[in-house]
Amino acid sequence: MPFPSRWPTPIPASTVTWTAHIFDVPEQRNGWYGFRYETLQGKDGMHTVVGKLFGEDGSLIAWTEQLVAVFS
């Protein structure tokens, strides 16, 4: 089963757990940021997804991990 963002139509899904780790809070918060989300594993309707938030200079600001349940 592919990750929900790859389905051609919306499907029911819900967050089971979501954790955020903030490493750095920039003094200036009005610049450009980058965010990358990656599915690490998906099986039997459960998907583990990791996200990384980067500052303008490419430094890692925060890291997230989410467990998603897909109901279809």
C-alpha atoms as a PDB file:
ATOM      1  CA  MET A   1       0.000   0.000   0.000  1.00  0.00           C
ATOM      2  CA  PRO A   2       1.589   3.311  -1.042  1.00  0.00           C
ATOM      3  CA  PHE A   3       1.818   6.299   1.272  1.00  0.00           C
ATOM      4  CA  PRO A   4      -1.419   8.416   1.288  1.00  0.00           C
ATOM      5  CA  SER A   5       0.137  11.294  -0.693  1.00  0.00           C
ATOM      6  CA  ARG A   6       0.615   8.927  -3.651  1.00  0.00           C
ATOM      7  CA  TRP A   7      -3.047   7.842  -3.903  1.00  0.00           C
ATOM      8  CA  PRO A   8      -5.036   9.387  -6.778  1.00  0.00           C
ATOM      9  CA  THR A   9      -7.933  10.306  -4.449  1.00  0.00           C
ATOM     10  CA  PRO A  10      -8.151  11.246  -0.750  1.00  0.00           C
ATOM     11  CA  ILE A  11      -8.211   8.313   1.678  1.00  0.00           C
ATOM     12  CA  PRO A  12      -8.967   8.176   5.399  1.00  0.00           C
ATOM     13  CA  ALA A  13      -5.822   8.332   7.512  1.00  0.00           C
ATOM     14  CA  SER A  14      -4.973   9.424  11.032  1.00  0.00           C
ATOM     15  CA  THR A  15      -1.910  10.224  13.112  1.00  0.00           C
ATOM     16  CA  VAL A  16      -1.278   7.596  15.791  1.00  0.00           C
ATOM     17  CA  THR A  17       1.779   9.321  17.293  1.00  0.00           C
ATOM     18  CA  TRP A  18       3.698  12.468  16.409  1.00  0.00           C
ATOM     19  CA  THR A  19       6.907  13.640  18.075  1.00  0.00           C
ATOM     20  CA  ALA A  20       8.881  16.811  17.369  1.00  0.00           C
ATOM     21  CA  HIS A  21      12.449  17.489  18.496  1.00  0.00           C
ATOM     22  CA  ILE A  22      13.515  21.130  18.271  1.00  0.00           C
ATOM     23  CA  PHE A  23      17.277  21.612  18.184  1.00  0.00           C
ATOM     24  CA  ASP A  24      17.589  25.316  17.439  1.00  0.00           C
ATOM     25  CA  VAL A  25      15.269  28.332  17.420  1.00  0.00           C
ATOM     26  CA  PRO A  26      16.637  30.950  15.003  1.00  0.00           C
ATOM     27  CA  GLU A  27      16.663  34.549  16.217  1.00  0.00           C
ATOM     28  CA  GLN A  28      15.207  35.698  12.890  1.00  0.00           C
ATOM     29  CA  ARG A  29      12.094  33.688  12.042  1.00  0.00           C
ATOM     30  CA  ASN A  30      11.016  35.440   8.848  1.00  0.00           C
ATOM     31  CA  GLY A  31      13.542  33.852   6.441  1.00  0.00           C
ATOM     32  CA  TRP A  32      13.284  30.865   4.143  1.00  0.00           C
ATOM     33  CA  TYR A  33      12.996  27.339   5.538  1.00  0.00           C
ATOM     34  CA  GLY A  34      13.185  23.921   3.951  1.00  0.00           C
ATOM     35  CA  PHE A  35      11.197  20.859   4.978  1.00  0.00           C
ATOM     36  CA  ARG A  36      11.727  17.293   3.831  1.00  0.00           C
ATOM     37  CA  TYR A  37       9.346  14.441   4.625  1.00  0.00           C
ATOM     38  CA  GLU A  38      10.316  10.820   4.014  1.00  0.00           C
ATOM     39  CA  THR A  39       8.403   7.588   4.532  1.00  0.00           C
ATOM     40  CA  LEU A  40      10.781   5.139   6.208  1.00  0.00           C
ATOM     41  CA  GLN A  41       8.487   2.116   6.267  1.00  0.00           C
ATOM     42  CA  GLY A  42       4.912   1.284   5.373  1.00  0.00           C
ATOM     43  CA  LYS A  43       3.121  -2.019   5.850  1.00  0.00           C
ATOM     44  CA  ASP A  44      -0.401  -3.230   6.689  1.00  0.00           C
ATOM     45  CA  GLY A  45      -1.765   0.312   6.804  1.00  0.00           C
ATOM     46  CA  MET A  46       0.856   1.714   9.205  1.00  0.00           C
ATOM     47  CA  HIS A  47       3.483   4.167   7.942  1.00  0.00           C
ATOM     48  CA  THR A  48       6.465   5.677   9.782  1.00  0.00           C
ATOM     49  CA  VAL A  49       7.353   9.112   8.435  1.00  0.00           C
ATOM     50  CA  VAL A  50      10.296  11.351   9.365  1.00  0.00           C
ATOM     51  CA  GLY A  51      10.445  15.084   8.706  1.00  0.00           C
ATOM     52  CA  LYS A  52      13.370  17.490   8.905  1.00  0.00           C
ATOM     53  CA  LEU A  53      13.157  21.292   9.100  1.00  0.00           C
ATOM     54  CA  PHE A  54      16.188  23.203   7.807  1.00  0.00           C
ATOM     55  CA  GLY A  55      17.117  26.877   8.187  1.00  0.00           C
ATOM     56  CA  GLU A  56      18.265  29.201   5.395  1.00  0.00           C
ATOM     57  CA  ASP A  57      21.876  28.160   5.954  1.00  0.00           C
ATOM     58  CA  GLY A  58      20.989  24.442   5.713  1.00  0.00           C
ATOM     59  CA  SER A  59      21.292  23.777   9.442  1.00  0.00           C
ATOM     60  CA  LEU A  60      18.900  21.280  11.018  1.00  0.00           C
ATOM     61  CA  ILE A  61      16.363  23.121  13.175  1.00  0.00           C
ATOM     62  CA  ALA A  62      13.910  20.344  14.040  1.00  0.00           C
ATOM     63  CA  TRP A  63      13.190  16.672  13.427  1.00  0.00           C
ATOM     64  CA  THR A  64       9.794  14.930  13.559  1.00  0.00           C
ATOM     65  CA  GLU A  65       8.605  11.340  13.539  1.00  0.00           C
ATOM     66  CA  GLN A  66       5.004  10.389  12.810  1.00  0.00           C
ATOM     67  CA  LEU A  67       3.161   7.071  12.785  1.00  0.00           C
ATOM     68  CA  VAL A  68       0.245   7.223  10.342  1.00  0.00           C
ATOM     69  CA  ALA A  69      -2.633   4.717  10.142  1.00  0.00           C
ATOM     70  CA  VAL A  70      -4.310   4.382   6.750  1.00  0.00           C
ATOM     71  CA  PHE A  71      -7.921   3.135   6.761  1.00  0.00           C
ATOM     72  CA  SER A  72      -8.661   1.799   3.299  1.00  0.00           C
END
